[in-house]
Amino acid sequence: MSPQTLIFATSNAHKLEEVTTILDNKLIELKSLKDIGYDQEIEETGATLSANATIKSKTIFDTTGANVFSEDTGLEVMSLGMAPGVITARYAGPQRNADDNMAKLLEALSDGRDRTARFKTVLSLIWKGEEYLFEGIVNGTIATEKRGGTGFGYDPIFIPYGYDKTFAELTIATKNSISHRYRAVMQMKSWLHRTLV
């Protein structure tokens, strides 16, 4: 049985590498937006993570007619009213700069607020024209300063429960085995396995 092509609606090389490692499925041939020659910016205008994930997957499905999935991820800090949430990547402005975002978040928590937080990923899979949603959450706390050199985004300031290291201090293999994205992708992987086998 030859692998089924599945487009991952992202231009983020870090996310593509992470998901490819997690998916590692002989049943699926993963292609990125770059692989299919799609280089337009998809405006994330949704008010929720699931809405943004759906916008991206439906945009690519409407363009290609192919099986596609997308994801949207947010960092939610309880004492900040679940901010930055849906604007996680643009928290400090449209430049989407990770260092700026982390600096703004650390400043917002510098008054001694509770640092409890969670990462949440929502996947929108469109398979044969039908949409399926999958969700992954990892709980933790925000560190008081950046630590570690691996990962991307907010990884240097997020400490998952059960660990004393930030995501950026953990090995990629360890992070990928516990992350929010891992949990959502594993749900999708199980669904695909049941569907294709």
Protein backbone atom coordinates (compact mmCIF):
# COMPACT_ATOMS: atom_id res chain seq x y z
CA MET A 1 0.00 0.00 0.00
CA SER A 2 1.57 3.27 -1.10
CA PRO A 3 1.59 6.19 1.38
CA GLN A 4 -1.23 8.73 1.25
CA THR A 5 -0.14 12.32 0.67
CA LEU A 6 -1.03 14.71 3.49
CA ILE A 7 -0.25 18.42 3.32
CA PHE A 8 0.82 20.17 6.53
CA ALA A 9 -0.36 23.76 6.10
CA THR A 10 2.72 25.44 7.53
CA SER A 11 5.77 27.33 6.38
CA ASN A 12 7.42 26.97 9.80
CA ALA A 13 10.42 24.68 9.35
CA HIS A 14 10.64 23.98 13.12
CA LYS A 15 7.03 22.80 13.28
CA LEU A 16 7.43 20.72 10.12
CA GLU A 17 10.50 18.96 11.53
CA GLU A 18 8.81 18.36 14.87
CA VAL A 19 5.61 16.94 13.34
CA THR A 20 7.52 14.82 10.81
CA THR A 21 9.46 13.24 13.68
CA ILE A 22 6.29 12.57 15.67
CA LEU A 23 4.22 11.30 12.76
CA ASP A 24 6.90 8.98 11.38
CA ASN A 25 4.22 7.01 9.62
CA LYS A 26 4.81 4.80 6.60
CA LEU A 27 1.15 5.30 5.73
CA ILE A 28 1.58 9.06 5.21
CA GLU A 29 3.76 11.14 2.92
CA LEU A 30 3.92 14.56 4.54
CA LYS A 31 4.27 17.65 2.36
CA SER A 32 4.69 21.26 3.48
CA LEU A 33 3.37 24.41 1.83
CA LYS A 34 6.85 24.91 0.38
CA ASP A 35 6.72 21.42 -1.13
CA ILE A 36 3.51 22.28 -3.00
CA GLY A 37 4.72 25.75 -4.04
CA TYR A 38 2.25 27.69 -1.88
CA ASP A 39 3.86 30.87 -0.59
CA GLN A 40 0.94 33.14 0.26
CA GLU A 41 0.37 34.36 3.81
CA ILE A 42 -2.82 32.93 5.32
CA GLU A 43 -4.41 35.54 7.58
CA GLU A 44 -5.21 34.09 11.00
CA THR A 45 -8.33 36.11 11.76
CA GLY A 46 -10.06 33.63 14.08
CA ALA A 47 -10.92 34.44 17.70
CA THR A 48 -9.84 30.97 18.88
CA LEU A 49 -7.06 28.49 18.17
CA SER A 50 -9.51 26.06 16.56
CA ALA A 51 -10.90 28.80 14.31
CA ASN A 52 -7.41 29.71 13.11
CA ALA A 53 -6.51 26.07 12.51
CA THR A 54 -9.69 25.65 10.46
CA ILE A 55 -9.02 28.81 8.44
CA LYS A 56 -5.60 27.49 7.43
CA SER A 57 -6.67 23.94 6.58
CA LYS A 58 -9.74 25.05 4.64
CA THR A 59 -7.73 27.62 2.68
CA ILE A 60 -5.32 24.93 1.49
CA PHE A 61 -8.08 22.38 0.90
CA ASP A 62 -10.04 24.90 -1.20
CA THR A 63 -6.87 25.61 -3.20
CA THR A 64 -5.67 22.04 -3.72
CA GLY A 65 -8.55 19.67 -2.97
CA ALA A 66 -5.99 17.51 -1.18
CA ASN A 67 -6.02 16.00 2.30
CA VAL A 68 -4.54 18.64 4.60
CA PHE A 69 -4.06 19.52 8.24
CA SER A 70 -3.02 22.65 10.04
CA GLU A 71 -2.41 23.57 13.63
CA ASP A 72 -2.61 26.59 15.83
CA THR A 73 -0.84 26.75 19.15
CA GLY A 74 -1.27 29.14 22.03
CA LEU A 75 0.49 29.73 25.33
CA GLU A 76 -2.11 30.47 28.00
CA VAL A 77 -1.06 32.05 31.31
CA MET A 78 -3.80 31.74 33.91
CA SER A 79 -3.06 34.97 35.83
CA LEU A 80 -3.06 36.96 32.57
CA GLY A 81 -6.58 35.89 31.63
CA MET A 82 -5.22 33.10 29.38
CA ALA A 83 -3.07 35.58 27.41
CA PRO A 84 -1.25 35.59 25.07
CA GLY A 85 -3.54 32.83 23.77
CA VAL A 86 -4.63 33.23 20.19
CA ILE A 87 -2.05 36.00 19.57
CA THR A 88 0.85 33.97 21.01
CA ALA A 89 3.07 34.43 17.94
CA ARG A 90 2.23 38.17 17.71
CA TYR A 91 2.14 38.96 21.43
CA ALA A 92 4.76 41.72 21.21
CA GLY A 93 3.75 42.87 17.71
CA PRO A 94 3.39 41.80 14.08
CA GLN A 95 7.13 41.12 13.76
CA ARG A 96 6.51 37.71 15.43
CA ASN A 97 9.84 37.90 17.26
CA ALA A 98 10.25 35.19 19.89
CA ASP A 99 12.67 37.19 22.05
CA ASP A 100 10.32 40.20 22.06
CA ASN A 101 7.38 37.96 22.96
CA MET A 102 9.24 36.33 25.84
CA ALA A 103 10.49 39.68 27.15
CA LYS A 104 6.94 41.07 27.17
CA LEU A 105 5.58 37.99 28.95
CA LEU A 106 8.32 37.99 31.60
CA GLU A 107 7.68 41.69 32.22
CA ALA A 108 3.94 41.04 32.59
CA LEU A 109 4.71 38.45 35.29
CA SER A 110 7.40 40.47 37.07
CA ASP A 111 4.97 41.72 39.75
CA GLY A 112 4.80 38.33 41.43
CA ARG A 113 1.70 37.00 39.66
CA ASP A 114 1.00 33.28 39.55
CA ARG A 115 3.09 31.74 36.76
CA THR A 116 0.88 28.71 36.03
CA ALA A 117 0.51 28.24 32.28
CA ARG A 118 -0.27 25.74 29.58
CA PHE A 119 0.50 25.19 25.92
CA LYS A 120 -2.50 24.20 23.81
CA THR A 121 -2.42 22.93 20.23
CA VAL A 122 -5.48 22.42 18.06
CA LEU A 123 -5.16 20.45 14.81
CA SER A 124 -7.66 20.77 12.00
CA LEU A 125 -7.54 17.80 9.62
CA ILE A 126 -9.54 17.86 6.41
CA TRP A 127 -9.69 14.32 5.08
CA LYS A 128 -11.77 13.60 1.99
CA GLY A 129 -13.57 16.89 2.50
CA GLU A 130 -14.54 16.32 6.14
CA GLU A 131 -12.98 18.22 9.03
CA TYR A 132 -11.74 16.55 12.22
CA LEU A 133 -10.29 18.41 15.22
CA PHE A 134 -7.64 17.13 17.64
CA GLU A 135 -6.32 18.88 20.76
CA GLY A 136 -3.20 18.57 22.88
CA ILE A 137 -2.41 20.35 26.15
CA VAL A 138 0.67 20.38 28.38
CA ASN A 139 0.57 22.16 31.73
CA GLY A 140 3.47 23.90 33.41
CA THR A 141 4.84 27.18 34.68
CA ILE A 142 6.69 30.18 33.27
CA ALA A 143 10.35 30.46 34.30
CA THR A 144 11.72 33.75 35.66
CA GLU A 145 14.31 33.97 32.89
CA LYS A 146 15.17 32.35 29.56
CA ARG A 147 17.04 29.05 29.85
CA GLY A 148 18.27 26.59 27.24
CA GLY A 149 19.24 26.66 23.59
CA THR A 150 17.02 24.15 21.81
CA GLY A 151 13.43 24.43 20.62
CA PHE A 152 11.76 27.59 19.39
CA GLY A 153 9.12 30.14 20.33
CA TYR A 154 8.51 30.30 24.08
CA ASP A 155 10.40 27.06 24.79
CA PRO A 156 13.17 28.82 26.83
CA ILE A 157 10.66 30.04 29.45
CA PHE A 158 8.15 27.18 29.69
CA ILE A 159 8.74 24.49 32.33
CA PRO A 160 6.41 21.49 31.89
CA TYR A 161 5.03 19.88 35.04
CA GLY A 162 7.17 16.99 36.23
CA TYR A 163 10.41 18.62 35.06
CA ASP A 164 12.76 21.26 36.44
CA LYS A 165 13.98 22.23 32.97
CA THR A 166 12.43 24.41 30.31
CA PHE A 167 11.41 22.93 26.97
CA ALA A 168 14.59 24.53 25.56
CA GLU A 169 16.76 22.67 28.08
CA LEU A 170 15.21 19.27 27.39
CA THR A 171 16.41 17.10 24.53
CA ILE A 172 14.30 17.34 21.40
CA ALA A 173 13.32 13.70 21.86
CA THR A 174 12.11 14.34 25.42
CA LYS A 175 10.19 17.45 24.43
CA ASN A 176 8.60 15.67 21.48
CA SER A 177 7.42 12.88 23.77
CA ILE A 178 5.46 15.18 26.11
CA SER A 179 4.61 18.35 24.17
CA HIS A 180 1.20 19.75 23.35
CA ARG A 181 1.91 19.31 19.64
CA TYR A 182 2.96 15.70 20.23
CA ARG A 183 -0.29 14.95 22.03
CA ALA A 184 -2.44 16.47 19.29
CA VAL A 185 -0.46 14.83 16.48
CA MET A 186 -0.63 11.45 18.20
CA GLN A 187 -4.41 11.70 18.31
CA MET A 188 -4.46 12.46 14.59
CA LYS A 189 -1.96 9.68 13.92
CA SER A 190 -4.18 7.16 15.72
CA TRP A 191 -7.20 8.34 13.73
CA LEU A 192 -5.28 8.05 10.44
CA HIS A 193 -4.05 4.58 11.36
CA ARG A 194 -7.61 3.40 12.05
CA THR A 195 -8.80 5.00 8.81
CA LEU A 196 -6.06 3.72 6.52
CA VAL A 197 -5.35 0.24 7.85
